[in-house]
Amino acid sequence: MTGEEWVAAFAAEIGVAPPTQEQMDEILKLAAIAAHASERIAAPIACYLVGTSGRSLAEARETAKGLAKGG
């Protein structure tokens, strides 16, 4: 099973739509910023926080970039 297939199956199991390819790309970019700016555990937790925040992925990624640069 590919990552995309697993995500789609998981989304179906929890009753939500899977992310689009564009959304997955944004999520992975955000995760990369978080993981490289801190410990690896920051990546999934940052993605979770975005999901609960109501902010767009693009906005959250820009915020993460600023934090990674030191403010």
C-alpha atoms as a PDB file:
ATOM      1  CA  MET A   1       0.000   0.000   0.000  1.00  0.00           C
ATOM      2  CA  THR A   2       1.402   3.399  -0.938  1.00  0.00           C
ATOM      3  CA  GLY A   3       1.406   6.369   1.399  1.00  0.00           C
ATOM      4  CA  GLU A   4      -1.374   8.009  -0.590  1.00  0.00           C
ATOM      5  CA  GLU A   5      -3.460   4.829  -0.479  1.00  0.00           C
ATOM      6  CA  TRP A   6      -2.965   4.535   3.275  1.00  0.00           C
ATOM      7  CA  VAL A   7      -3.934   8.169   3.829  1.00  0.00           C
ATOM      8  CA  ALA A   8      -7.070   7.723   1.707  1.00  0.00           C
ATOM      9  CA  ALA A   9      -8.037   4.550   3.587  1.00  0.00           C
ATOM     10  CA  PHE A  10      -7.378   6.197   6.956  1.00  0.00           C
ATOM     11  CA  ALA A  11      -9.413   9.255   5.950  1.00  0.00           C
ATOM     12  CA  ALA A  12     -12.305   6.999   4.964  1.00  0.00           C
ATOM     13  CA  GLU A  13     -12.096   5.113   8.260  1.00  0.00           C
ATOM     14  CA  ILE A  14     -12.276   8.311  10.335  1.00  0.00           C
ATOM     15  CA  GLY A  15     -14.965   9.857   8.129  1.00  0.00           C
ATOM     16  CA  VAL A  16     -13.116  12.739   6.469  1.00  0.00           C
ATOM     17  CA  ALA A  17     -12.051  13.546   2.934  1.00  0.00           C
ATOM     18  CA  PRO A  18      -8.427  12.750   2.130  1.00  0.00           C
ATOM     19  CA  PRO A  19      -6.173  15.717   1.358  1.00  0.00           C
ATOM     20  CA  THR A  20      -5.675  16.740  -2.233  1.00  0.00           C
ATOM     21  CA  GLN A  21      -2.249  16.329  -3.801  1.00  0.00           C
ATOM     22  CA  GLU A  22      -1.685  20.067  -3.323  1.00  0.00           C
ATOM     23  CA  GLN A  23      -2.609  19.807   0.362  1.00  0.00           C
ATOM     24  CA  MET A  24      -0.330  16.799   0.823  1.00  0.00           C
ATOM     25  CA  ASP A  25       2.525  18.747  -0.740  1.00  0.00           C
ATOM     26  CA  GLU A  26       1.901  21.668   1.661  1.00  0.00           C
ATOM     27  CA  ILE A  27       1.704  19.319   4.655  1.00  0.00           C
ATOM     28  CA  LEU A  28       4.995  17.682   3.704  1.00  0.00           C
ATOM     29  CA  LYS A  29       6.669  21.079   3.260  1.00  0.00           C
ATOM     30  CA  LEU A  30       5.429  22.156   6.696  1.00  0.00           C
ATOM     31  CA  ALA A  31       6.616  18.887   8.233  1.00  0.00           C
ATOM     32  CA  ALA A  32      10.054  19.310   6.656  1.00  0.00           C
ATOM     33  CA  ILE A  33      10.426  22.820   8.061  1.00  0.00           C
ATOM     34  CA  ALA A  34       9.374  21.698  11.544  1.00  0.00           C
ATOM     35  CA  ALA A  35      11.599  18.616  11.506  1.00  0.00           C
ATOM     36  CA  HIS A  36      14.680  20.506  10.349  1.00  0.00           C
ATOM     37  CA  ALA A  37      14.188  23.465  12.683  1.00  0.00           C
ATOM     38  CA  SER A  38      13.751  21.306  15.789  1.00  0.00           C
ATOM     39  CA  GLU A  39      13.453  17.707  16.818  1.00  0.00           C
ATOM     40  CA  ARG A  40      11.692  15.350  14.419  1.00  0.00           C
ATOM     41  CA  ILE A  41       8.697  15.057  16.738  1.00  0.00           C
ATOM     42  CA  ALA A  42       7.821  18.656  15.884  1.00  0.00           C
ATOM     43  CA  ALA A  43       6.745  17.662  12.360  1.00  0.00           C
ATOM     44  CA  PRO A  44       3.656  15.547  13.081  1.00  0.00           C
ATOM     45  CA  ILE A  45       2.645  17.708  16.009  1.00  0.00           C
ATOM     46  CA  ALA A  46       2.911  20.891  13.917  1.00  0.00           C
ATOM     47  CA  CYS A  47       0.707  19.281  11.284  1.00  0.00           C
ATOM     48  CA  TYR A  48      -1.826  18.311  13.932  1.00  0.00           C
ATOM     49  CA  LEU A  49      -1.840  21.864  15.290  1.00  0.00           C
ATOM     50  CA  VAL A  50      -2.530  23.277  11.839  1.00  0.00           C
ATOM     51  CA  GLY A  51      -5.423  20.876  11.464  1.00  0.00           C
ATOM     52  CA  THR A  52      -7.005  22.121  14.653  1.00  0.00           C
ATOM     53  CA  SER A  53      -6.186  25.806  14.122  1.00  0.00           C
ATOM     54  CA  GLY A  54      -8.430  26.633  11.194  1.00  0.00           C
ATOM     55  CA  ARG A  55      -5.486  28.315   9.425  1.00  0.00           C
ATOM     56  CA  SER A  56      -4.536  27.513   5.860  1.00  0.00           C
ATOM     57  CA  LEU A  57      -1.595  25.237   5.183  1.00  0.00           C
ATOM     58  CA  ALA A  58       0.155  28.016   3.250  1.00  0.00           C
ATOM     59  CA  GLU A  59      -0.244  30.458   6.153  1.00  0.00           C
ATOM     60  CA  ALA A  60       1.001  27.889   8.637  1.00  0.00           C
ATOM     61  CA  ARG A  61       4.001  27.073   6.438  1.00  0.00           C
ATOM     62  CA  GLU A  62       4.960  30.745   6.281  1.00  0.00           C
ATOM     63  CA  THR A  63       4.647  30.976  10.057  1.00  0.00           C
ATOM     64  CA  ALA A  64       6.858  27.897  10.422  1.00  0.00           C
ATOM     65  CA  LYS A  65       9.446  29.411   8.074  1.00  0.00           C
ATOM     66  CA  GLY A  66       9.576  32.551  10.192  1.00  0.00           C
ATOM     67  CA  LEU A  67       9.962  30.540  13.374  1.00  0.00           C
ATOM     68  CA  ALA A  68      12.703  28.443  11.792  1.00  0.00           C
ATOM     69  CA  LYS A  69      14.581  31.632  10.912  1.00  0.00           C
ATOM     70  CA  GLY A  70      14.452  32.748  14.519  1.00  0.00           C
ATOM     71  CA  GLY A  71      11.300  34.764  14.750  1.00  0.00           C
END
